[in-house]
C-alpha atoms as a PDB file:
ATOM      1  CA  UNK A   1      27.315  50.610  61.694  1.00  0.00           C
ATOM      2  CA  UNK A   2      30.988  50.686  60.274  1.00  0.00           C
ATOM      3  CA  UNK A   3      32.011  47.806  58.288  1.00  0.00           C
ATOM      4  CA  UNK A   4      34.970  45.746  59.545  1.00  0.00           C
ATOM      5  CA  UNK A   5      38.194  46.340  57.209  1.00  0.00           C
ATOM      6  CA  UNK A   6      39.397  42.524  56.502  1.00  0.00           C
ATOM      7  CA  UNK A   7      40.254  40.428  53.585  1.00  0.00           C
ATOM      8  CA  UNK A   8      36.780  39.711  52.330  1.00  0.00           C
ATOM      9  CA  UNK A   9      36.128  43.452  52.089  1.00  0.00           C
ATOM     10  CA  UNK A  10      39.313  43.832  50.151  1.00  0.00           C
ATOM     11  CA  UNK A  11      38.507  40.964  48.266  1.00  0.00           C
ATOM     12  CA  UNK A  12      34.999  42.149  47.189  1.00  0.00           C
ATOM     13  CA  UNK A  13      36.303  46.129  46.301  1.00  0.00           C
ATOM     14  CA  UNK A  14      38.947  44.146  43.951  1.00  0.00           C
ATOM     15  CA  UNK A  15      36.414  42.271  42.247  1.00  0.00           C
ATOM     16  CA  UNK A  16      34.083  45.566  41.731  1.00  0.00           C
ATOM     17  CA  UNK A  17      37.109  46.914  40.363  1.00  0.00           C
ATOM     18  CA  UNK A  18      38.279  44.159  38.052  1.00  0.00           C
ATOM     19  CA  UNK A  19      34.375  43.175  36.877  1.00  0.00           C
ATOM     20  CA  UNK A  20      31.146  45.205  35.559  1.00  0.00           C
ATOM     21  CA  UNK A  21      31.533  48.783  34.752  1.00  0.00           C
ATOM     22  CA  UNK A  22      35.227  49.891  36.463  1.00  0.00           C
ATOM     23  CA  UNK A  23      36.855  47.123  34.817  1.00  0.00           C
ATOM     24  CA  UNK A  24      40.594  48.352  35.825  1.00  0.00           C
ATOM     25  CA  UNK A  25      42.986  45.340  36.462  1.00  0.00           C
ATOM     26  CA  UNK A  26      46.115  47.695  37.415  1.00  0.00           C
ATOM     27  CA  UNK A  27      44.025  49.426  40.929  1.00  0.00           C
ATOM     28  CA  UNK A  28      45.066  47.729  43.915  1.00  0.00           C
ATOM     29  CA  UNK A  29      43.597  47.976  47.142  1.00  0.00           C
ATOM     30  CA  UNK A  30      45.385  48.263  50.613  1.00  0.00           C
ATOM     31  CA  UNK A  31      44.369  47.990  53.783  1.00  0.00           C
ATOM     32  CA  UNK A  32      45.848  50.330  56.421  1.00  0.00           C
ATOM     33  CA  UNK A  33      44.274  50.305  59.968  1.00  0.00           C
ATOM     34  CA  UNK A  34      41.037  51.967  59.862  1.00  0.00           C
ATOM     35  CA  UNK A  35      40.998  52.875  56.026  1.00  0.00           C
ATOM     36  CA  UNK A  36      41.707  51.230  52.316  1.00  0.00           C
ATOM     37  CA  UNK A  37      43.541  52.864  50.135  1.00  0.00           C
ATOM     38  CA  UNK A  38      43.550  52.588  46.081  1.00  0.00           C
ATOM     39  CA  UNK A  39      46.219  52.516  44.180  1.00  0.00           C
ATOM     40  CA  UNK A  40      47.627  51.990  40.561  1.00  0.00           C
ATOM     41  CA  UNK A  41      47.203  54.297  37.685  1.00  0.00           C
ATOM     42  CA  UNK A  42      44.822  55.292  35.332  1.00  0.00           C
ATOM     43  CA  UNK A  43      44.571  56.984  32.034  1.00  0.00           C
ATOM     44  CA  UNK A  44      42.374  59.930  32.977  1.00  0.00           C
ATOM     45  CA  UNK A  45      41.777  62.302  36.155  1.00  0.00           C
ATOM     46  CA  UNK A  46      37.960  61.807  35.119  1.00  0.00           C
ATOM     47  CA  UNK A  47      38.539  57.681  35.004  1.00  0.00           C
ATOM     48  CA  UNK A  48      40.218  58.054  38.578  1.00  0.00           C
ATOM     49  CA  UNK A  49      37.451  60.102  40.091  1.00  0.00           C
ATOM     50  CA  UNK A  50      34.964  57.989  38.545  1.00  0.00           C
ATOM     51  CA  UNK A  51      36.515  55.025  40.032  1.00  0.00           C
ATOM     52  CA  UNK A  52      36.794  56.465  43.394  1.00  0.00           C
ATOM     53  CA  UNK A  53      32.875  57.687  43.098  1.00  0.00           C
ATOM     54  CA  UNK A  54      31.786  54.233  42.283  1.00  0.00           C
ATOM     55  CA  UNK A  55      33.872  52.560  44.898  1.00  0.00           C
ATOM     56  CA  UNK A  56      32.714  55.125  48.009  1.00  0.00           C
ATOM     57  CA  UNK A  57      29.345  54.978  46.876  1.00  0.00           C
ATOM     58  CA  UNK A  58      28.990  51.167  47.251  1.00  0.00           C
ATOM     59  CA  UNK A  59      31.218  51.396  50.422  1.00  0.00           C
ATOM     60  CA  UNK A  60      30.209  54.124  51.915  1.00  0.00           C
ATOM     61  CA  UNK A  61      30.734  53.234  55.830  1.00  0.00           C
ATOM     62  CA  UNK A  62      34.558  52.889  55.045  1.00  0.00           C
ATOM     63  CA  UNK A  63      37.100  55.111  54.923  1.00  0.00           C
ATOM     64  CA  UNK A  64      38.632  54.838  51.447  1.00  0.00           C
ATOM     65  CA  UNK A  65      41.464  56.871  49.984  1.00  0.00           C
ATOM     66  CA  UNK A  66      42.049  57.346  46.472  1.00  0.00           C
ATOM     67  CA  UNK A  67      45.594  57.714  45.960  1.00  0.00           C
ATOM     68  CA  UNK A  68      45.278  56.475  41.769  1.00  0.00           C
ATOM     69  CA  UNK A  69      48.093  58.219  39.581  1.00  0.00           C
ATOM     70  CA  UNK A  70      47.252  59.237  36.125  1.00  0.00           C
ATOM     71  CA  UNK A  71      49.049  57.489  33.378  1.00  0.00           C
ATOM     72  CA  UNK A  72      50.821  60.235  30.483  1.00  0.00           C
ATOM     73  CA  UNK A  73      49.569  59.128  27.579  1.00  0.00           C
ATOM     74  CA  UNK A  74      51.096  61.744  25.490  1.00  0.00           C
ATOM     75  CA  UNK A  75      54.697  62.068  24.101  1.00  0.00           C
ATOM     76  CA  UNK A  76      56.767  64.676  26.471  1.00  0.00           C
ATOM     77  CA  UNK A  77      56.990  68.047  25.604  1.00  0.00           C
ATOM     78  CA  UNK A  78      60.321  68.860  26.950  1.00  0.00           C
ATOM     79  CA  UNK A  79      63.972  66.762  26.412  1.00  0.00           C
ATOM     80  CA  UNK A  80      64.959  64.644  29.427  1.00  0.00           C
ATOM     81  CA  UNK A  81      68.298  65.532  30.009  1.00  0.00           C
ATOM     82  CA  UNK A  82      70.458  62.532  31.410  1.00  0.00           C
ATOM     83  CA  UNK A  83      73.666  63.765  33.565  1.00  0.00           C
END
């Protein structure tokens, strides 16, 4: 059985992202035809992977693409040249 992709599912996933164990306010959920895309940025690859794992585990019948980036938390190691 396939889960219907609608605004209720988006809201349920957004609620899961902001409440409880995940608690990430900067993650977005976008519906695209037959899949949902998680976007935004987190502080580490481990955090991103854990968020994607928990969402996929909770919604196994939904095709989810994890497009969450990593925020650089350290000072840059090279000088940025502006032309």
